[in-house]
Amino acid sequence: MTAALAILAELHHRGASVRVVGDRLRYRPVWAVAPELRERMNEHREELLALVEHFEERAAIREFDGGLSRAEAERLALEDVVAAARRAS
């Protein structure tokens, strides 16, 4: 598992959502992201940006085309992203 993928999984586990806004990562709730995690996010920023964009695309497809709740769409999108990362490595 790549560092960025581990970060995305940890964010999901902590109940935080992360979005790409322009060239920045935005996350909520802020209190769910400890300073150490924020530092790791900054270290792997470029890879994390690409990963979050892929995650968002997969979640949106599952939510809007699949009719799933956002929470279920995000859970399945995370599985999609993990599977794609495993195939790529």
N, C-alpha and C. Protein backbone atom coordinates (compact mmCIF):
# COMPACT_ATOMS: atom_id res chain seq x y z
N MET A 1 0.85 -1.18 0.00
CA MET A 1 0.00 0.00 0.00
C MET A 1 0.90 1.24 0.00
N THR A 2 0.59 2.17 -0.87
CA THR A 2 1.37 3.40 -0.93
C THR A 2 1.08 4.27 0.29
N ALA A 3 1.96 5.19 0.55
CA ALA A 3 1.77 6.10 1.69
C ALA A 3 0.49 6.92 1.52
N ALA A 4 0.24 7.39 0.31
CA ALA A 4 -0.97 8.20 0.09
C ALA A 4 -2.23 7.37 0.29
N LEU A 5 -2.20 6.14 -0.13
CA LEU A 5 -3.35 5.26 0.06
C LEU A 5 -3.57 4.98 1.54
N ALA A 6 -2.50 4.77 2.27
CA ALA A 6 -2.61 4.57 3.72
C ALA A 6 -3.19 5.81 4.40
N ILE A 7 -2.79 6.98 3.94
CA ILE A 7 -3.33 8.24 4.49
C ILE A 7 -4.82 8.35 4.20
N LEU A 8 -5.23 8.06 2.97
CA LEU A 8 -6.64 8.13 2.61
C LEU A 8 -7.46 7.15 3.44
N ALA A 9 -6.94 5.94 3.63
CA ALA A 9 -7.64 4.96 4.46
C ALA A 9 -7.74 5.43 5.90
N GLU A 10 -6.68 6.03 6.41
CA GLU A 10 -6.71 6.53 7.79
C GLU A 10 -7.71 7.67 7.94
N LEU A 11 -7.76 8.57 6.97
CA LEU A 11 -8.74 9.65 7.01
C LEU A 11 -10.16 9.09 7.03
N HIS A 12 -10.41 8.10 6.18
CA HIS A 12 -11.73 7.48 6.13
C HIS A 12 -12.05 6.81 7.47
N HIS A 13 -11.08 6.11 8.04
CA HIS A 13 -11.26 5.44 9.33
C HIS A 13 -11.58 6.44 10.45
N ARG A 14 -10.97 7.61 10.40
CA ARG A 14 -11.20 8.66 11.40
C ARG A 14 -12.50 9.43 11.17
N GLY A 15 -13.19 9.11 10.09
CA GLY A 15 -14.45 9.80 9.80
C GLY A 15 -14.27 11.13 9.12
N ALA A 16 -13.08 11.38 8.59
CA ALA A 16 -12.81 12.64 7.90
C ALA A 16 -13.06 12.47 6.41
N SER A 17 -13.54 13.51 5.78
CA SER A 17 -13.65 13.52 4.34
C SER A 17 -12.62 14.49 3.80
N VAL A 18 -12.08 14.16 2.64
CA VAL A 18 -11.07 15.01 2.03
C VAL A 18 -11.48 15.27 0.60
N ARG A 19 -11.28 16.50 0.17
CA ARG A 19 -11.66 16.93 -1.18
C ARG A 19 -10.49 17.71 -1.80
N VAL A 20 -10.47 17.70 -3.12
CA VAL A 20 -9.52 18.53 -3.85
C VAL A 20 -10.26 19.80 -4.25
N VAL A 21 -9.70 20.94 -3.88
CA VAL A 21 -10.26 22.24 -4.25
C VAL A 21 -9.12 23.01 -4.92
N GLY A 22 -9.22 23.13 -6.23
CA GLY A 22 -8.11 23.74 -6.96
C GLY A 22 -6.90 22.84 -6.89
N ASP A 23 -5.83 23.33 -6.31
CA ASP A 23 -4.63 22.50 -6.13
C ASP A 23 -4.37 22.22 -4.66
N ARG A 24 -5.43 22.28 -3.85
CA ARG A 24 -5.30 22.09 -2.40
C ARG A 24 -6.19 20.96 -1.92
N LEU A 25 -5.78 20.35 -0.82
CA LEU A 25 -6.59 19.35 -0.15
C LEU A 25 -7.36 20.03 0.97
N ARG A 26 -8.65 19.77 1.03
CA ARG A 26 -9.50 20.28 2.10
C ARG A 26 -10.08 19.08 2.83
N TYR A 27 -10.11 19.13 4.13
CA TYR A 27 -10.64 18.01 4.90
C TYR A 27 -11.52 18.52 6.03
N ARG A 28 -12.47 17.66 6.39
CA ARG A 28 -13.40 17.94 7.49
C ARG A 28 -13.71 16.66 8.20
N PRO A 29 -13.96 16.65 9.45
CA PRO A 29 -13.77 17.77 10.37
C PRO A 29 -12.28 17.96 10.66
N VAL A 30 -11.91 19.18 10.90
CA VAL A 30 -10.51 19.52 11.13
C VAL A 30 -9.95 18.77 12.34
N TRP A 31 -10.76 18.60 13.38
CA TRP A 31 -10.27 17.95 14.60
C TRP A 31 -9.92 16.48 14.39
N ALA A 32 -10.42 15.87 13.30
CA ALA A 32 -10.13 14.45 13.05
C ALA A 32 -8.74 14.23 12.47
N VAL A 33 -8.08 15.31 12.06
CA VAL A 33 -6.77 15.20 11.43
C VAL A 33 -5.71 15.76 12.38
N ALA A 34 -4.99 14.85 13.01
CA ALA A 34 -3.94 15.22 13.96
C ALA A 34 -2.77 15.89 13.23
N PRO A 35 -1.99 16.69 13.94
CA PRO A 35 -0.85 17.36 13.30
C PRO A 35 0.10 16.39 12.59
N GLU A 36 0.33 15.23 13.17
CA GLU A 36 1.22 14.24 12.55
C GLU A 36 0.64 13.77 11.21
N LEU A 37 -0.67 13.56 11.16
CA LEU A 37 -1.31 13.14 9.92
C LEU A 37 -1.27 14.27 8.89
N ARG A 38 -1.49 15.49 9.33
CA ARG A 38 -1.40 16.65 8.43
C ARG A 38 -0.01 16.75 7.82
N GLU A 39 1.01 16.48 8.62
CA GLU A 39 2.39 16.51 8.13
C GLU A 39 2.60 15.44 7.06
N ARG A 40 2.10 14.23 7.31
CA ARG A 40 2.21 13.15 6.33
C ARG A 40 1.46 13.50 5.05
N MET A 41 0.30 14.15 5.20
CA MET A 41 -0.46 14.57 4.02
C MET A 41 0.36 15.55 3.18
N ASN A 42 1.05 16.47 3.83
CA ASN A 42 1.88 17.44 3.11
C ASN A 42 3.05 16.76 2.42
N GLU A 43 3.64 15.76 3.06
CA GLU A 43 4.78 15.04 2.48
C GLU A 43 4.39 14.29 1.21
N HIS A 44 3.17 13.82 1.14
CA HIS A 44 2.71 13.00 0.01
C HIS A 44 1.60 13.72 -0.78
N ARG A 45 1.67 15.02 -0.79
CA ARG A 45 0.62 15.87 -1.33
C ARG A 45 0.27 15.54 -2.78
N GLU A 46 1.24 15.47 -3.66
CA GLU A 46 0.97 15.26 -5.10
C GLU A 46 0.28 13.92 -5.34
N GLU A 47 0.81 12.87 -4.73
CA GLU A 47 0.20 11.55 -4.89
C GLU A 47 -1.20 11.53 -4.27
N LEU A 48 -1.35 12.19 -3.14
CA LEU A 48 -2.64 12.23 -2.46
C LEU A 48 -3.67 13.01 -3.28
N LEU A 49 -3.25 14.10 -3.91
CA LEU A 49 -4.17 14.86 -4.78
C LEU A 49 -4.73 13.97 -5.89
N ALA A 50 -3.87 13.23 -6.56
CA ALA A 50 -4.31 12.35 -7.64
C ALA A 50 -5.22 11.24 -7.12
N LEU A 51 -4.87 10.69 -5.98
CA LEU A 51 -5.64 9.61 -5.39
C LEU A 51 -7.03 10.09 -4.96
N VAL A 52 -7.09 11.27 -4.35
CA VAL A 52 -8.37 11.81 -3.90
C VAL A 52 -9.25 12.15 -5.10
N GLU A 53 -8.67 12.65 -6.18
CA GLU A 53 -9.46 12.92 -7.38
C GLU A 53 -10.08 11.63 -7.93
N HIS A 54 -9.29 10.56 -7.95
CA HIS A 54 -9.80 9.26 -8.40
C HIS A 54 -10.89 8.77 -7.46
N PHE A 55 -10.66 8.88 -6.17
CA PHE A 55 -11.63 8.48 -5.16
C PHE A 55 -12.94 9.25 -5.34
N GLU A 56 -12.85 10.56 -5.50
CA GLU A 56 -14.04 11.40 -5.67
C GLU A 56 -14.82 11.00 -6.91
N GLU A 57 -14.12 10.73 -8.00
CA GLU A 57 -14.79 10.32 -9.22
C GLU A 57 -15.56 9.01 -9.01
N ARG A 58 -14.90 8.03 -8.40
CA ARG A 58 -15.55 6.74 -8.15
C ARG A 58 -16.75 6.89 -7.22
N ALA A 59 -16.60 7.70 -6.17
CA ALA A 59 -17.71 7.90 -5.22
C ALA A 59 -18.89 8.58 -5.90
N ALA A 60 -18.62 9.58 -6.73
CA ALA A 60 -19.69 10.30 -7.42
C ALA A 60 -20.45 9.38 -8.37
N ILE A 61 -19.72 8.55 -9.09
CA ILE A 61 -20.37 7.61 -10.01
C ILE A 61 -21.29 6.67 -9.23
N ARG A 62 -20.79 6.14 -8.13
CA ARG A 62 -21.60 5.20 -7.34
C ARG A 62 -22.80 5.90 -6.69
N GLU A 63 -22.60 7.15 -6.28
CA GLU A 63 -23.70 7.88 -5.64
C GLU A 63 -24.77 8.27 -6.66
N PHE A 64 -24.37 8.92 -7.72
CA PHE A 64 -25.34 9.49 -8.65
C PHE A 64 -25.85 8.49 -9.69
N ASP A 65 -24.97 7.68 -10.23
CA ASP A 65 -25.41 6.69 -11.22
C ASP A 65 -25.94 5.43 -10.54
N GLY A 66 -25.35 5.09 -9.39
CA GLY A 66 -25.75 3.88 -8.69
C GLY A 66 -26.84 4.07 -7.67
N GLY A 67 -27.16 5.33 -7.35
CA GLY A 67 -28.23 5.61 -6.40
C GLY A 67 -27.90 5.25 -4.96
N LEU A 68 -26.61 5.18 -4.63
CA LEU A 68 -26.21 4.85 -3.27
C LEU A 68 -26.12 6.09 -2.39
N SER A 69 -26.18 5.89 -1.09
CA SER A 69 -25.94 7.00 -0.17
C SER A 69 -24.49 7.43 -0.32
N ARG A 70 -24.19 8.66 0.08
CA ARG A 70 -22.80 9.14 -0.04
C ARG A 70 -21.86 8.27 0.78
N ALA A 71 -22.28 7.89 1.99
CA ALA A 71 -21.43 7.08 2.87
C ALA A 71 -21.11 5.73 2.21
N GLU A 72 -22.12 5.09 1.66
CA GLU A 72 -21.90 3.79 1.00
C GLU A 72 -21.06 3.97 -0.26
N ALA A 73 -21.31 5.04 -1.01
CA ALA A 73 -20.53 5.31 -2.22
C ALA A 73 -19.06 5.53 -1.89
N GLU A 74 -18.78 6.25 -0.80
CA GLU A 74 -17.40 6.49 -0.39
C GLU A 74 -16.73 5.21 0.08
N ARG A 75 -17.48 4.36 0.80
CA ARG A 75 -16.91 3.09 1.26
C ARG A 75 -16.49 2.23 0.07
N LEU A 76 -17.37 2.13 -0.91
CA LEU A 76 -17.06 1.33 -2.09
C LEU A 76 -15.98 1.98 -2.96
N ALA A 77 -15.97 3.30 -3.02
CA ALA A 77 -14.93 4.01 -3.79
C ALA A 77 -13.55 3.75 -3.19
N LEU A 78 -13.48 3.71 -1.86
CA LEU A 78 -12.20 3.41 -1.22
C LEU A 78 -11.74 2.01 -1.60
N GLU A 79 -12.66 1.06 -1.63
CA GLU A 79 -12.32 -0.30 -2.07
C GLU A 79 -11.83 -0.28 -3.52
N ASP A 80 -12.47 0.50 -4.38
CA ASP A 80 -12.05 0.61 -5.79
C ASP A 80 -10.63 1.15 -5.89
N VAL A 81 -10.34 2.20 -5.13
CA VAL A 81 -9.03 2.84 -5.18
C VAL A 81 -7.95 1.88 -4.67
N VAL A 82 -8.25 1.17 -3.60
CA VAL A 82 -7.29 0.20 -3.06
C VAL A 82 -7.02 -0.90 -4.09
N ALA A 83 -8.08 -1.42 -4.71
CA ALA A 83 -7.91 -2.47 -5.72
C ALA A 83 -7.09 -1.96 -6.91
N ALA A 84 -7.36 -0.74 -7.36
CA ALA A 84 -6.60 -0.18 -8.48
C ALA A 84 -5.13 -0.01 -8.13
N ALA A 85 -4.86 0.42 -6.90
CA ALA A 85 -3.47 0.59 -6.46
C ALA A 85 -2.75 -0.75 -6.39
N ARG A 86 -3.45 -1.77 -5.95
CA ARG A 86 -2.83 -3.10 -5.88
C ARG A 86 -2.52 -3.63 -7.28
N ARG A 87 -3.44 -3.38 -8.22
CA ARG A 87 -3.20 -3.84 -9.60
C ARG A 87 -2.01 -3.11 -10.22
N ALA A 88 -1.85 -1.84 -9.88
CA ALA A 88 -0.78 -1.02 -10.45
C ALA A 88 0.59 -1.38 -9.88
N SER A 89 0.61 -1.96 -8.68
CA SER A 89 1.94 -2.26 -8.08
C SER A 89 2.39 -3.67 -8.33
